[in-house]
Amino acid sequence: MTARTAKTTPDDQPFDFNLDTVESEVALDPFRVHFQGRRWEFAHIEGLDIWDLVEAAEGGQLKAMIGVFQNSLGDQWPEFRKLSFPQYKMKALFTAYRKHCGLEPGESEASGS
């Protein structure tokens, strides 16, 4: 029996969908927050890397929220993490952040709507 080899098509050949041309349907304006005497800037949730969010979500809802904050704060995360952060403030922040990003309560970030 002869082994089959998969045909490889060069990257510049016709394709069915060009993901490189897809643009966000919403303005990816950052969400700015004042907390403990400092301004914090969270990247828009639609612009976050989905792989990092999925990995954080594997730890449950709380880990998912922390993962969103960590990814949206980027380089600011280590300083933010040093602060005392009561759960009631985290819930309020997450609710306000989701509203800023156009997500309704109970709507998944990955839903696309």
PDB file of N, CA and C in Angstrom:
ATOM      1  N   MET A   1       0.846  -1.174   0.000  1.00  0.00           N
ATOM      2  CA  MET A   1       0.000   0.000   0.000  1.00  0.00           C
ATOM      3  C   MET A   1       0.891   1.236   0.000  1.00  0.00           C
ATOM      4  N   THR A   2       0.521   2.204  -0.797  1.00  0.00           N
ATOM      5  CA  THR A   2       1.291   3.433  -0.902  1.00  0.00           C
ATOM      6  C   THR A   2       0.803   4.442   0.133  1.00  0.00           C
ATOM      7  N   ALA A   3       1.741   5.076   0.807  1.00  0.00           N
ATOM      8  CA  ALA A   3       1.377   6.101   1.799  1.00  0.00           C
ATOM      9  C   ALA A   3       0.901   7.357   1.074  1.00  0.00           C
ATOM     10  N   ARG A   4      -0.160   7.934   1.599  1.00  0.00           N
ATOM     11  CA  ARG A   4      -0.681   9.175   1.015  1.00  0.00           C
ATOM     12  C   ARG A   4       0.001  10.365   1.679  1.00  0.00           C
ATOM     13  N   THR A   5       0.284  11.342   0.887  1.00  0.00           N
ATOM     14  CA  THR A   5       0.820  12.581   1.440  1.00  0.00           C
ATOM     15  C   THR A   5      -0.189  13.678   1.169  1.00  0.00           C
ATOM     16  N   ALA A   6      -0.383  14.498   2.154  1.00  0.00           N
ATOM     17  CA  ALA A   6      -1.353  15.588   2.013  1.00  0.00           C
ATOM     18  C   ALA A   6      -0.787  16.638   1.068  1.00  0.00           C
ATOM     19  N   LYS A   7      -1.661  17.125   0.200  1.00  0.00           N
ATOM     20  CA  LYS A   7      -1.256  18.207  -0.689  1.00  0.00           C
ATOM     21  C   LYS A   7      -1.195  19.489   0.130  1.00  0.00           C
ATOM     22  N   THR A   8      -0.154  20.227  -0.078  1.00  0.00           N
ATOM     23  CA  THR A   8      -0.062  21.514   0.597  1.00  0.00           C
ATOM     24  C   THR A   8      -0.299  22.612  -0.422  1.00  0.00           C
ATOM     25  N   THR A   9      -1.115  23.551  -0.039  1.00  0.00           N
ATOM     26  CA  THR A   9      -1.428  24.683  -0.903  1.00  0.00           C
ATOM     27  C   THR A   9      -0.681  25.892  -0.365  1.00  0.00           C
ATOM     28  N   PRO A  10       0.003  26.622  -1.220  1.00  0.00           N
ATOM     29  CA  PRO A  10       0.710  27.813  -0.753  1.00  0.00           C
ATOM     30  C   PRO A  10      -0.250  28.800  -0.083  1.00  0.00           C
ATOM     31  N   ASP A  11       0.270  29.551   0.895  1.00  0.00           N
ATOM     32  CA  ASP A  11      -0.551  30.493   1.658  1.00  0.00           C
ATOM     33  C   ASP A  11      -1.181  31.583   0.810  1.00  0.00           C
ATOM     34  N   ASP A  12      -0.580  31.885  -0.343  1.00  0.00           N
ATOM     35  CA  ASP A  12      -1.122  32.967  -1.164  1.00  0.00           C
ATOM     36  C   ASP A  12      -2.174  32.488  -2.168  1.00  0.00           C
ATOM     37  N   GLN A  13      -2.528  31.219  -2.110  1.00  0.00           N
ATOM     38  CA  GLN A  13      -3.537  30.674  -3.016  1.00  0.00           C
ATOM     39  C   GLN A  13      -4.938  31.014  -2.503  1.00  0.00           C
ATOM     40  N   PRO A  14      -5.947  30.889  -3.351  1.00  0.00           N
ATOM     41  CA  PRO A  14      -7.316  31.228  -2.922  1.00  0.00           C
ATOM     42  C   PRO A  14      -7.716  30.500  -1.640  1.00  0.00           C
ATOM     43  N   PHE A  15      -8.516  31.181  -0.860  1.00  0.00           N
ATOM     44  CA  PHE A  15      -8.999  30.645   0.411  1.00  0.00           C
ATOM     45  C   PHE A  15     -10.466  30.993   0.539  1.00  0.00           C
ATOM     46  N   ASP A  16     -11.144  30.387   1.504  1.00  0.00           N
ATOM     47  CA  ASP A  16     -12.580  30.595   1.684  1.00  0.00           C
ATOM     48  C   ASP A  16     -12.918  31.796   2.560  1.00  0.00           C
ATOM     49  N   PHE A  17     -12.023  32.152   3.468  1.00  0.00           N
ATOM     50  CA  PHE A  17     -12.318  33.243   4.398  1.00  0.00           C
ATOM     51  C   PHE A  17     -11.012  33.900   4.815  1.00  0.00           C
ATOM     52  N   ASN A  18     -10.926  35.204   4.687  1.00  0.00           N
ATOM     53  CA  ASN A  18      -9.715  35.926   5.063  1.00  0.00           C
ATOM     54  C   ASN A  18      -9.916  36.571   6.430  1.00  0.00           C
ATOM     55  N   LEU A  19      -9.489  35.886   7.458  1.00  0.00           N
ATOM     56  CA  LEU A  19      -9.639  36.371   8.823  1.00  0.00           C
ATOM     57  C   LEU A  19      -8.808  37.630   9.074  1.00  0.00           C
ATOM     58  N   ASP A  20      -7.747  37.825   8.297  1.00  0.00           N
ATOM     59  CA  ASP A  20      -6.911  39.019   8.451  1.00  0.00           C
ATOM     60  C   ASP A  20      -7.677  40.309   8.165  1.00  0.00           C
ATOM     61  N   THR A  21      -8.769  40.231   7.442  1.00  0.00           N
ATOM     62  CA  THR A  21      -9.520  41.441   7.085  1.00  0.00           C
ATOM     63  C   THR A  21     -10.646  41.763   8.060  1.00  0.00           C
ATOM     64  N   VAL A  22     -10.889  40.897   9.029  1.00  0.00           N
ATOM     65  CA  VAL A  22     -11.992  41.101   9.969  1.00  0.00           C
ATOM     66  C   VAL A  22     -11.642  42.221  10.948  1.00  0.00           C
ATOM     67  N   GLU A  23     -12.567  43.149  11.108  1.00  0.00           N
ATOM     68  CA  GLU A  23     -12.417  44.270  12.039  1.00  0.00           C
ATOM     69  C   GLU A  23     -13.477  44.145  13.127  1.00  0.00           C
ATOM     70  N   SER A  24     -13.214  44.733  14.267  1.00  0.00           N
ATOM     71  CA  SER A  24     -14.186  44.740  15.355  1.00  0.00           C
ATOM     72  C   SER A  24     -15.409  45.547  14.942  1.00  0.00           C
ATOM     73  N   GLU A  25     -16.577  45.088  15.343  1.00  0.00           N
ATOM     74  CA  GLU A  25     -17.820  45.798  15.040  1.00  0.00           C
ATOM     75  C   GLU A  25     -18.093  46.905  16.050  1.00  0.00           C
ATOM     76  N   VAL A  26     -17.314  46.956  17.120  1.00  0.00           N
ATOM     77  CA  VAL A  26     -17.485  47.985  18.149  1.00  0.00           C
ATOM     78  C   VAL A  26     -16.162  48.725  18.335  1.00  0.00           C
ATOM     79  N   ALA A  27     -16.263  49.959  18.820  1.00  0.00           N
ATOM     80  CA  ALA A  27     -15.052  50.703  19.160  1.00  0.00           C
ATOM     81  C   ALA A  27     -14.407  50.021  20.365  1.00  0.00           C
ATOM     82  N   LEU A  28     -13.133  49.769  20.284  1.00  0.00           N
ATOM     83  CA  LEU A  28     -12.433  49.064  21.355  1.00  0.00           C
ATOM     84  C   LEU A  28     -11.841  50.053  22.363  1.00  0.00           C
ATOM     85  N   ASP A  29     -12.683  51.014  22.779  1.00  0.00           N
ATOM     86  CA  ASP A  29     -12.248  52.026  23.737  1.00  0.00           C
ATOM     87  C   ASP A  29     -11.944  51.381  25.083  1.00  0.00           C
ATOM     88  N   PRO A  30     -10.840  51.789  25.715  1.00  0.00           N
ATOM     89  CA  PRO A  30     -10.521  51.236  27.030  1.00  0.00           C
ATOM     90  C   PRO A  30     -11.498  51.721  28.094  1.00  0.00           C
ATOM     91  N   PHE A  31     -11.570  50.983  29.168  1.00  0.00           N
ATOM     92  CA  PHE A  31     -12.417  51.301  30.318  1.00  0.00           C
ATOM     93  C   PHE A  31     -11.497  51.851  31.401  1.00  0.00           C
ATOM     94  N   ARG A  32     -11.741  53.098  31.804  1.00  0.00           N
ATOM     95  CA  ARG A  32     -10.872  53.758  32.780  1.00  0.00           C
ATOM     96  C   ARG A  32     -11.548  53.811  34.139  1.00  0.00           C
ATOM     97  N   VAL A  33     -10.794  53.441  35.162  1.00  0.00           N
ATOM     98  CA  VAL A  33     -11.324  53.319  36.518  1.00  0.00           C
ATOM     99  C   VAL A  33     -10.406  54.060  37.489  1.00  0.00           C
ATOM    100  N   HIS A  34     -11.007  54.706  38.468  1.00  0.00           N
ATOM    101  CA  HIS A  34     -10.232  55.296  39.561  1.00  0.00           C
ATOM    102  C   HIS A  34     -10.382  54.382  40.771  1.00  0.00           C
ATOM    103  N   PHE A  35      -9.250  53.935  41.308  1.00  0.00           N
ATOM    104  CA  PHE A  35      -9.276  53.033  42.462  1.00  0.00           C
ATOM    105  C   PHE A  35      -8.019  53.254  43.292  1.00  0.00           C
ATOM    106  N   GLN A  36      -8.218  53.473  44.561  1.00  0.00           N
ATOM    107  CA  GLN A  36      -7.150  53.688  45.532  1.00  0.00           C
ATOM    108  C   GLN A  36      -6.168  54.770  45.071  1.00  0.00           C
ATOM    109  N   GLY A  37      -6.749  55.900  44.637  1.00  0.00           N
ATOM    110  CA  GLY A  37      -5.954  57.068  44.286  1.00  0.00           C
ATOM    111  C   GLY A  37      -5.231  56.993  42.960  1.00  0.00           C
ATOM    112  N   ARG A  38      -5.564  56.019  42.143  1.00  0.00           N
ATOM    113  CA  ARG A  38      -4.864  55.843  40.869  1.00  0.00           C
ATOM    114  C   ARG A  38      -5.856  55.547  39.748  1.00  0.00           C
ATOM    115  N   ARG A  39      -5.467  55.924  38.552  1.00  0.00           N
ATOM    116  CA  ARG A  39      -6.254  55.626  37.356  1.00  0.00           C
ATOM    117  C   ARG A  39      -5.753  54.299  36.772  1.00  0.00           C
ATOM    118  N   TRP A  40      -6.713  53.428  36.474  1.00  0.00           N
ATOM    119  CA  TRP A  40      -6.408  52.125  35.876  1.00  0.00           C
ATOM    120  C   TRP A  40      -7.111  52.061  34.532  1.00  0.00           C
ATOM    121  N   GLU A  41      -6.452  51.499  33.538  1.00  0.00           N
ATOM    122  CA  GLU A  41      -7.038  51.404  32.204  1.00  0.00           C
ATOM    123  C   GLU A  41      -7.134  49.939  31.794  1.00  0.00           C
ATOM    124  N   PHE A  42      -8.379  49.502  31.594  1.00  0.00           N
ATOM    125  CA  PHE A  42      -8.663  48.127  31.196  1.00  0.00           C
ATOM    126  C   PHE A  42      -8.922  48.096  29.692  1.00  0.00           C
ATOM    127  N   ALA A  43      -8.228  47.231  28.977  1.00  0.00           N
ATOM    128  CA  ALA A  43      -8.483  47.067  27.544  1.00  0.00           C
ATOM    129  C   ALA A  43      -9.901  46.529  27.346  1.00  0.00           C
ATOM    130  N   HIS A  44     -10.517  46.875  26.235  1.00  0.00           N
ATOM    131  CA  HIS A  44     -11.867  46.403  25.908  1.00  0.00           C
ATOM    132  C   HIS A  44     -11.858  44.878  25.810  1.00  0.00           C
ATOM    133  N   ILE A  45     -12.872  44.248  26.348  1.00  0.00           N
ATOM    134  CA  ILE A  45     -12.933  42.783  26.403  1.00  0.00           C
ATOM    135  C   ILE A  45     -12.914  42.138  25.011  1.00  0.00           C
ATOM    136  N   GLU A  46     -13.462  42.826  24.013  1.00  0.00           N
ATOM    137  CA  GLU A  46     -13.488  42.270  22.654  1.00  0.00           C
ATOM    138  C   GLU A  46     -12.088  42.179  22.046  1.00  0.00           C
ATOM    139  N   GLY A  47     -11.144  42.948  22.579  1.00  0.00           N
ATOM    140  CA  GLY A  47      -9.786  42.936  22.055  1.00  0.00           C
ATOM    141  C   GLY A  47      -8.849  41.981  22.777  1.00  0.00           C
ATOM    142  N   LEU A  48      -9.343  41.304  23.819  1.00  0.00           N
ATOM    143  CA  LEU A  48      -8.492  40.390  24.583  1.00  0.00           C
ATOM    144  C   LEU A  48      -8.302  39.065  23.849  1.00  0.00           C
ATOM    145  N   ASP A  49      -7.163  38.448  24.073  1.00  0.00           N
ATOM    146  CA  ASP A  49      -6.844  37.162  23.448  1.00  0.00           C
ATOM    147  C   ASP A  49      -7.730  36.069  24.043  1.00  0.00           C
ATOM    148  N   ILE A  50      -8.514  35.438  23.211  1.00  0.00           N
ATOM    149  CA  ILE A  50      -9.492  34.440  23.657  1.00  0.00           C
ATOM    150  C   ILE A  50      -8.824  33.251  24.340  1.00  0.00           C
ATOM    151  N   TRP A  51      -7.619  32.878  23.905  1.00  0.00           N
ATOM    152  CA  TRP A  51      -6.956  31.705  24.489  1.00  0.00           C
ATOM    153  C   TRP A  51      -6.648  31.939  25.965  1.00  0.00           C
ATOM    154  N   ASP A  52      -6.228  33.163  26.312  1.00  0.00           N
ATOM    155  CA  ASP A  52      -5.961  33.473  27.721  1.00  0.00           C
ATOM    156  C   ASP A  52      -7.244  33.443  28.541  1.00  0.00           C
ATOM    157  N   LEU A  53      -8.341  33.919  27.958  1.00  0.00           N
ATOM    158  CA  LEU A  53      -9.615  33.937  28.676  1.00  0.00           C
ATOM    159  C   LEU A  53     -10.159  32.528  28.887  1.00  0.00           C
ATOM    160  N   VAL A  54     -10.028  31.683  27.887  1.00  0.00           N
ATOM    161  CA  VAL A  54     -10.492  30.293  28.008  1.00  0.00           C
ATOM    162  C   VAL A  54      -9.692  29.572  29.090  1.00  0.00           C
ATOM    163  N   GLU A  55      -8.396  29.793  29.102  1.00  0.00           N
ATOM    164  CA  GLU A  55      -7.547  29.155  30.111  1.00  0.00           C
ATOM    165  C   GLU A  55      -7.962  29.589  31.518  1.00  0.00           C
ATOM    166  N   ALA A  56      -8.232  30.878  31.705  1.00  0.00           N
ATOM    167  CA  ALA A  56      -8.666  31.377  33.015  1.00  0.00           C
ATOM    168  C   ALA A  56     -10.029  30.805  33.391  1.00  0.00           C
ATOM    169  N   ALA A  57     -10.915  30.660  32.415  1.00  0.00           N
ATOM    170  CA  ALA A  57     -12.278  30.178  32.672  1.00  0.00           C
ATOM    171  C   ALA A  57     -12.300  28.722  33.123  1.00  0.00           C
ATOM    172  N   GLU A  58     -11.259  27.978  32.807  1.00  0.00           N
ATOM    173  CA  GLU A  58     -11.203  26.579  33.233  1.00  0.00           C
ATOM    174  C   GLU A  58     -11.187  26.452  34.753  1.00  0.00           C
ATOM    175  N   GLY A  59     -10.860  27.535  35.453  1.00  0.00           N
ATOM    176  CA  GLY A  59     -10.820  27.523  36.910  1.00  0.00           C
ATOM    177  C   GLY A  59     -12.127  27.940  37.553  1.00  0.00           C
ATOM    178  N   GLY A  60     -13.181  28.144  36.772  1.00  0.00           N
ATOM    179  CA  GLY A  60     -14.477  28.550  37.311  1.00  0.00           C
ATOM    180  C   GLY A  60     -14.734  30.037  37.137  1.00  0.00           C
ATOM    181  N   GLN A  61     -15.898  30.475  37.610  1.00  0.00           N
ATOM    182  CA  GLN A  61     -16.349  31.847  37.383  1.00  0.00           C
ATOM    183  C   GLN A  61     -15.419  32.894  38.000  1.00  0.00           C
ATOM    184  N   LEU A  62     -15.006  32.692  39.228  1.00  0.00           N
ATOM    185  CA  LEU A  62     -14.135  33.660  39.889  1.00  0.00           C
ATOM    186  C   LEU A  62     -12.794  33.773  39.166  1.00  0.00           C
ATOM    187  N   LYS A  63     -12.208  32.643  38.811  1.00  0.00           N
ATOM    188  CA  LYS A  63     -10.942  32.649  38.068  1.00  0.00           C
ATOM    189  C   LYS A  63     -11.122  33.304  36.703  1.00  0.00           C
ATOM    190  N   ALA A  64     -12.283  33.110  36.093  1.00  0.00           N
ATOM    191  CA  ALA A  64     -12.551  33.739  34.801  1.00  0.00           C
ATOM    192  C   ALA A  64     -12.567  35.257  34.935  1.00  0.00           C
ATOM    193  N   MET A  65     -13.227  35.772  35.979  1.00  0.00           N
ATOM    194  CA  MET A  65     -13.268  37.224  36.188  1.00  0.00           C
ATOM    195  C   MET A  65     -11.866  37.764  36.447  1.00  0.00           C
ATOM    196  N   ILE A  66     -11.099  37.077  37.274  1.00  0.00           N
ATOM    197  CA  ILE A  66      -9.729  37.502  37.554  1.00  0.00           C
ATOM    198  C   ILE A  66      -8.902  37.455  36.267  1.00  0.00           C
ATOM    199  N   GLY A  67      -9.113  36.431  35.450  1.00  0.00           N
ATOM    200  CA  GLY A  67      -8.403  36.326  34.177  1.00  0.00           C
ATOM    201  C   GLY A  67      -8.714  37.481  33.245  1.00  0.00           C
ATOM    202  N   VAL A  68      -9.972  37.907  33.222  1.00  0.00           N
ATOM    203  CA  VAL A  68     -10.350  39.061  32.404  1.00  0.00           C
ATOM    204  C   VAL A  68      -9.619  40.300  32.909  1.00  0.00           C
ATOM    205  N   PHE A  69      -9.628  40.518  34.222  1.00  0.00           N
ATOM    206  CA  PHE A  69      -8.936  41.686  34.781  1.00  0.00           C
ATOM    207  C   PHE A  69      -7.439  41.630  34.476  1.00  0.00           C
ATOM    208  N   GLN A  70      -6.832  40.483  34.692  1.00  0.00           N
ATOM    209  CA  GLN A  70      -5.394  40.332  34.458  1.00  0.00           C
ATOM    210  C   GLN A  70      -5.045  40.636  33.003  1.00  0.00           C
ATOM    211  N   ASN A  71      -5.812  40.077  32.089  1.00  0.00           N
ATOM    212  CA  ASN A  71      -5.526  40.286  30.676  1.00  0.00           C
ATOM    213  C   ASN A  71      -5.851  41.698  30.219  1.00  0.00           C
ATOM    214  N   SER A  72      -6.917  42.278  30.741  1.00  0.00           N
ATOM    215  CA  SER A  72      -7.303  43.621  30.299  1.00  0.00           C
ATOM    216  C   SER A  72      -6.398  44.702  30.891  1.00  0.00           C
ATOM    217  N   LEU A  73      -5.806  44.442  32.046  1.00  0.00           N
ATOM    218  CA  LEU A  73      -4.882  45.407  32.648  1.00  0.00           C
ATOM    219  C   LEU A  73      -3.471  45.304  32.075  1.00  0.00           C
ATOM    220  N   GLY A  74      -3.119  44.159  31.534  1.00  0.00           N
ATOM    221  CA  GLY A  74      -1.796  43.999  30.926  1.00  0.00           C
ATOM    222  C   GLY A  74      -0.670  44.288  31.905  1.00  0.00           C
ATOM    223  N   ASP A  75       0.201  45.237  31.552  1.00  0.00           N
ATOM    224  CA  ASP A  75       1.365  45.572  32.371  1.00  0.00           C
ATOM    225  C   ASP A  75       0.999  46.183  33.721  1.00  0.00           C
ATOM    226  N   GLN A  76      -0.230  46.663  33.868  1.00  0.00           N
ATOM    227  CA  GLN A  76      -0.658  47.245  35.138  1.00  0.00           C
ATOM    228  C   GLN A  76      -1.030  46.168  36.169  1.00  0.00           C
ATOM    229  N   TRP A  77      -1.237  44.939  35.715  1.00  0.00           N
ATOM    230  CA  TRP A  77      -1.720  43.872  36.585  1.00  0.00           C
ATOM    231  C   TRP A  77      -0.875  43.675  37.844  1.00  0.00           C
ATOM    232  N   PRO A  78       0.456  43.591  37.775  1.00  0.00           N
ATOM    233  CA  PRO A  78       1.220  43.344  39.008  1.00  0.00           C
ATOM    234  C   PRO A  78       0.959  44.397  40.098  1.00  0.00           C
ATOM    235  N   GLU A  79       0.832  45.657  39.720  1.00  0.00           N
ATOM    236  CA  GLU A  79       0.555  46.712  40.704  1.00  0.00           C
ATOM    237  C   GLU A  79      -0.877  46.616  41.224  1.00  0.00           C
ATOM    238  N   PHE A  80      -1.823  46.332  40.331  1.00  0.00           N
ATOM    239  CA  PHE A  80      -3.226  46.195  40.729  1.00  0.00           C
ATOM    240  C   PHE A  80      -3.380  45.027  41.701  1.00  0.00           C
ATOM    241  N   ARG A  81      -2.669  43.961  41.442  1.00  0.00           N
ATOM    242  CA  ARG A  81      -2.755  42.734  42.249  1.00  0.00           C
ATOM    243  C   ARG A  81      -2.274  42.950  43.683  1.00  0.00           C
ATOM    244  N   LYS A  82      -1.421  43.933  43.891  1.00  0.00           N
ATOM    245  CA  LYS A  82      -0.897  44.223  45.229  1.00  0.00           C
ATOM    246  C   LYS A  82      -1.938  44.874  46.138  1.00  0.00           C
ATOM    247  N   LEU A  83      -3.003  45.425  45.556  1.00  0.00           N
ATOM    248  CA  LEU A  83      -4.006  46.160  46.325  1.00  0.00           C
ATOM    249  C   LEU A  83      -4.997  45.222  47.007  1.00  0.00           C
ATOM    250  N   SER A  84      -5.501  45.660  48.147  1.00  0.00           N
ATOM    251  CA  SER A  84      -6.605  44.951  48.789  1.00  0.00           C
ATOM    252  C   SER A  84      -7.839  45.183  47.920  1.00  0.00           C
ATOM    253  N   PHE A  85      -8.541  44.109  47.589  1.00  0.00           N
ATOM    254  CA  PHE A  85      -9.632  44.212  46.616  1.00  0.00           C
ATOM    255  C   PHE A  85     -10.826  43.402  47.106  1.00  0.00           C
ATOM    256  N   PRO A  86     -11.740  44.032  47.867  1.00  0.00           N
ATOM    257  CA  PRO A  86     -12.901  43.308  48.389  1.00  0.00           C
ATOM    258  C   PRO A  86     -13.775  42.744  47.263  1.00  0.00           C
ATOM    259  N   GLN A  87     -14.386  41.626  47.528  1.00  0.00           N
ATOM    260  CA  GLN A  87     -15.200  40.956  46.517  1.00  0.00           C
ATOM    261  C   GLN A  87     -16.349  41.831  46.023  1.00  0.00           C
ATOM    262  N   TYR A  88     -16.982  42.616  46.912  1.00  0.00           N
ATOM    263  CA  TYR A  88     -18.095  43.456  46.467  1.00  0.00           C
ATOM    264  C   TYR A  88     -17.630  44.500  45.452  1.00  0.00           C
ATOM    265  N   LYS A  89     -16.378  44.961  45.577  1.00  0.00           N
ATOM    266  CA  LYS A  89     -15.852  45.917  44.596  1.00  0.00           C
ATOM    267  C   LYS A  89     -15.533  45.205  43.286  1.00  0.00           C
ATOM    268  N   MET A  90     -15.037  43.975  43.389  1.00  0.00           N
ATOM    269  CA  MET A  90     -14.752  43.214  42.178  1.00  0.00           C
ATOM    270  C   MET A  90     -16.033  42.996  41.377  1.00  0.00           C
ATOM    271  N   LYS A  91     -17.117  42.639  42.071  1.00  0.00           N
ATOM    272  CA  LYS A  91     -18.394  42.416  41.383  1.00  0.00           C
ATOM    273  C   LYS A  91     -18.879  43.696  40.713  1.00  0.00           C
ATOM    274  N   ALA A  92     -18.779  44.829  41.433  1.00  0.00           N
ATOM    275  CA  ALA A  92     -19.211  46.111  40.870  1.00  0.00           C
ATOM    276  C   ALA A  92     -18.349  46.492  39.669  1.00  0.00           C
ATOM    277  N   LEU A  93     -17.045  46.269  39.775  1.00  0.00           N
ATOM    278  CA  LEU A  93     -16.135  46.573  38.673  1.00  0.00           C
ATOM    279  C   LEU A  93     -16.456  45.713  37.458  1.00  0.00           C
ATOM    280  N   PHE A  94     -16.668  44.426  37.678  1.00  0.00           N
ATOM    281  CA  PHE A  94     -16.941  43.528  36.555  1.00  0.00           C
ATOM    282  C   PHE A  94     -18.259  43.888  35.872  1.00  0.00           C
ATOM    283  N   THR A  95     -19.262  44.246  36.653  1.00  0.00           N
ATOM    284  CA  THR A  95     -20.556  44.659  36.091  1.00  0.00           C
ATOM    285  C   THR A  95     -20.392  45.920  35.252  1.00  0.00           C
ATOM    286  N   ALA A  96     -19.674  46.913  35.777  1.00  0.00           N
ATOM    287  CA  ALA A  96     -19.464  48.168  35.046  1.00  0.00           C
ATOM    288  C   ALA A  96     -18.617  47.938  33.793  1.00  0.00           C
ATOM    289  N   TYR A  97     -17.612  47.080  33.895  1.00  0.00           N
ATOM    290  CA  TYR A  97     -16.741  46.768  32.755  1.00  0.00           C
ATOM    291  C   TYR A  97     -17.536  46.085  31.639  1.00  0.00           C
ATOM    292  N   ARG A  98     -18.356  45.116  32.008  1.00  0.00           N
ATOM    293  CA  ARG A  98     -19.182  44.422  31.013  1.00  0.00           C
ATOM    294  C   ARG A  98     -20.141  45.399  30.334  1.00  0.00           C
ATOM    295  N   LYS A  99     -20.728  46.300  31.109  1.00  0.00           N
ATOM    296  CA  LYS A  99     -21.636  47.296  30.538  1.00  0.00           C
ATOM    297  C   LYS A  99     -20.879  48.189  29.557  1.00  0.00           C
ATOM    298  N   HIS A 100     -19.692  48.642  29.943  1.00  0.00           N
ATOM    299  CA  HIS A 100     -18.865  49.467  29.060  1.00  0.00           C
ATOM    300  C   HIS A 100     -18.583  48.738  27.743  1.00  0.00           C
ATOM    301  N   CYS A 101     -18.349  47.434  27.843  1.00  0.00           N
ATOM    302  CA  CYS A 101     -18.007  46.630  26.668  1.00  0.00           C
ATOM    303  C   CYS A 101     -19.233  46.177  25.874  1.00  0.00           C
ATOM    304  N   GLY A 102     -20.428  46.562  26.333  1.00  0.00           N
ATOM    305  CA  GLY A 102     -21.646  46.240  25.595  1.00  0.00           C
ATOM    306  C   GLY A 102     -22.183  44.851  25.843  1.00  0.00           C
ATOM    307  N   LEU A 103     -21.777  44.218  26.935  1.00  0.00           N
ATOM    308  CA  LEU A 103     -22.278  42.881  27.263  1.00  0.00           C
ATOM    309  C   LEU A 103     -23.393  43.000  28.279  1.00  0.00           C
ATOM    310  N   GLU A 104     -24.469  42.326  28.023  1.00  0.00           N
ATOM    311  CA  GLU A 104     -25.608  42.327  28.941  1.00  0.00           C
ATOM    312  C   GLU A 104     -25.355  41.334  30.064  1.00  0.00           C
ATOM    313  N   PRO A 105     -25.986  41.536  31.218  1.00  0.00           N
ATOM    314  CA  PRO A 105     -25.825  40.565  32.307  1.00  0.00           C
ATOM    315  C   PRO A 105     -26.175  39.153  31.837  1.00  0.00           C
ATOM    316  N   GLY A 106     -25.306  38.208  32.162  1.00  0.00           N
ATOM    317  CA  GLY A 106     -25.541  36.818  31.791  1.00  0.00           C
ATOM    318  C   GLY A 106     -25.057  36.463  30.400  1.00  0.00           C
ATOM    319  N   GLU A 107     -24.620  37.456  29.626  1.00  0.00           N
ATOM    320  CA  GLU A 107     -24.142  37.194  28.272  1.00  0.00           C
ATOM    321  C   GLU A 107     -22.668  36.829  28.321  1.00  0.00           C
ATOM    322  N   SER A 108     -22.299  35.797  27.624  1.00  0.00           N
ATOM    323  CA  SER A 108     -20.918  35.351  27.584  1.00  0.00           C
ATOM    324  C   SER A 108     -20.090  36.266  26.704  1.00  0.00           C
ATOM    325  N   GLU A 109     -18.813  36.459  27.078  1.00  0.00           N
ATOM    326  CA  GLU A 109     -17.919  37.252  26.247  1.00  0.00           C
ATOM    327  C   GLU A 109     -17.743  36.619  24.877  1.00  0.00           C
ATOM    328  N   ALA A 110     -17.858  35.312  24.794  1.00  0.00           N
ATOM    329  CA  ALA A 110     -17.628  34.597  23.547  1.00  0.00           C
ATOM    330  C   ALA A 110     -18.876  34.477  22.687  1.00  0.00           C
ATOM    331  N   SER A 111     -19.986  35.055  23.119  1.00  0.00           N
ATOM    332  CA  SER A 111     -21.234  34.862  22.387  1.00  0.00           C
ATOM    333  C   SER A 111     -21.258  35.588  21.058  1.00  0.00           C
ATOM    334  N   GLY A 112     -20.468  36.667  20.940  1.00  0.00           N
ATOM    335  CA  GLY A 112     -20.420  37.387  19.681  1.00  0.00           C
ATOM    336  C   GLY A 112     -21.578  38.312  19.451  1.00  0.00           C
ATOM    337  N   SER A 113     -22.501  38.432  20.394  1.00  0.00           N
ATOM    338  CA  SER A 113     -23.626  39.341  20.187  1.00  0.00           C
ATOM    339  C   SER A 113     -23.535  40.526  21.106  1.00  0.00           C
TER     340      SER A 113
END
